[in-house]
Amino acid sequence: MGTTVNQYVRDRLAELAGEEDTEATIARFRALSGQGNSNGWKWNREEIYEERLGRYGKS
């Protein structure tokens, strides 16, 4: 009997998780995190939910 899909996915995720070097991951995170510009906008949960609900009509 062959490998199950579940086992294949587990094995592949384990491979992917083990591939990246920690220092390289940190450097990549720092490089990417410095590129953002919110133009002063601050994240607001209520506005996001309001916008999402508006797309589908409020109940």
C-alpha atoms as a PDB file:
ATOM      1  CA  MET A   1       0.000   0.000   0.000  1.00  0.00           C
ATOM      2  CA  GLY A   2       1.296   3.490  -0.860  1.00  0.00           C
ATOM      3  CA  THR A   3       1.608   6.657   1.142  1.00  0.00           C
ATOM      4  CA  THR A   4      -1.616   8.392   2.131  1.00  0.00           C
ATOM      5  CA  VAL A   5      -2.240  11.970   1.049  1.00  0.00           C
ATOM      6  CA  ASN A   6      -2.221  13.013   4.691  1.00  0.00           C
ATOM      7  CA  GLN A   7       1.206  11.455   5.246  1.00  0.00           C
ATOM      8  CA  TYR A   8       2.550  12.973   2.026  1.00  0.00           C
ATOM      9  CA  VAL A   9       1.408  16.446   3.128  1.00  0.00           C
ATOM     10  CA  ARG A  10       2.944  15.946   6.582  1.00  0.00           C
ATOM     11  CA  ASP A  11       6.244  14.840   5.069  1.00  0.00           C
ATOM     12  CA  ARG A  12       6.324  17.712   2.607  1.00  0.00           C
ATOM     13  CA  LEU A  13       5.518  20.296   5.302  1.00  0.00           C
ATOM     14  CA  ALA A  14       8.279  18.861   7.476  1.00  0.00           C
ATOM     15  CA  GLU A  15      10.710  19.189   4.555  1.00  0.00           C
ATOM     16  CA  LEU A  16       9.666  22.761   3.858  1.00  0.00           C
ATOM     17  CA  ALA A  17       9.843  23.759   7.511  1.00  0.00           C
ATOM     18  CA  GLY A  18      13.347  22.388   7.823  1.00  0.00           C
ATOM     19  CA  GLU A  19      14.728  23.960   4.647  1.00  0.00           C
ATOM     20  CA  GLU A  20      15.010  27.597   5.599  1.00  0.00           C
ATOM     21  CA  ASP A  21      17.939  28.963   7.562  1.00  0.00           C
ATOM     22  CA  THR A  22      16.868  30.929  10.652  1.00  0.00           C
ATOM     23  CA  GLU A  23      19.248  33.810   9.972  1.00  0.00           C
ATOM     24  CA  ALA A  24      18.051  34.050   6.369  1.00  0.00           C
ATOM     25  CA  THR A  25      14.437  34.060   7.558  1.00  0.00           C
ATOM     26  CA  ILE A  26      15.131  36.891  10.007  1.00  0.00           C
ATOM     27  CA  ALA A  27      16.955  38.915   7.347  1.00  0.00           C
ATOM     28  CA  ARG A  28      14.106  38.396   4.871  1.00  0.00           C
ATOM     29  CA  PHE A  29      11.519  39.427   7.480  1.00  0.00           C
ATOM     30  CA  ARG A  30      13.444  42.597   8.308  1.00  0.00           C
ATOM     31  CA  ALA A  31      13.843  43.488   4.635  1.00  0.00           C
ATOM     32  CA  LEU A  32      10.139  42.984   3.925  1.00  0.00           C
ATOM     33  CA  SER A  33       8.871  44.662   7.090  1.00  0.00           C
ATOM     34  CA  GLY A  34      10.742  47.864   6.326  1.00  0.00           C
ATOM     35  CA  GLN A  35       9.006  48.362   2.968  1.00  0.00           C
ATOM     36  CA  GLY A  36       5.479  49.105   4.157  1.00  0.00           C
ATOM     37  CA  ASN A  37       3.891  52.553   4.239  1.00  0.00           C
ATOM     38  CA  SER A  38       0.496  53.015   5.840  1.00  0.00           C
ATOM     39  CA  ASN A  39       0.386  56.774   5.163  1.00  0.00           C
ATOM     40  CA  GLY A  40      -0.711  57.191   8.783  1.00  0.00           C
ATOM     41  CA  TRP A  41      -3.609  54.720   8.592  1.00  0.00           C
ATOM     42  CA  LYS A  42      -4.001  52.532  11.659  1.00  0.00           C
ATOM     43  CA  TRP A  43      -5.597  49.105  11.553  1.00  0.00           C
ATOM     44  CA  ASN A  44      -9.174  49.185  12.831  1.00  0.00           C
ATOM     45  CA  ARG A  45     -11.155  45.981  13.305  1.00  0.00           C
ATOM     46  CA  GLU A  46     -14.556  47.714  13.296  1.00  0.00           C
ATOM     47  CA  GLU A  47     -13.923  49.418   9.944  1.00  0.00           C
ATOM     48  CA  ILE A  48     -12.771  46.170   8.374  1.00  0.00           C
ATOM     49  CA  TYR A  49     -15.833  44.266   9.584  1.00  0.00           C
ATOM     50  CA  GLU A  50     -18.110  47.099   8.489  1.00  0.00           C
ATOM     51  CA  GLU A  51     -16.578  47.060   5.008  1.00  0.00           C
ATOM     52  CA  ARG A  52     -16.828  43.252   4.780  1.00  0.00           C
ATOM     53  CA  LEU A  53     -20.437  43.166   5.924  1.00  0.00           C
ATOM     54  CA  GLY A  54     -21.323  45.960   3.526  1.00  0.00           C
ATOM     55  CA  ARG A  55     -20.227  43.801   0.599  1.00  0.00           C
ATOM     56  CA  TYR A  56     -22.671  41.054   1.501  1.00  0.00           C
ATOM     57  CA  GLY A  57     -25.492  43.056   2.989  1.00  0.00           C
ATOM     58  CA  LYS A  58     -26.068  43.340   6.706  1.00  0.00           C
ATOM     59  CA  SER A  59     -28.306  40.787   8.379  1.00  0.00           C
END
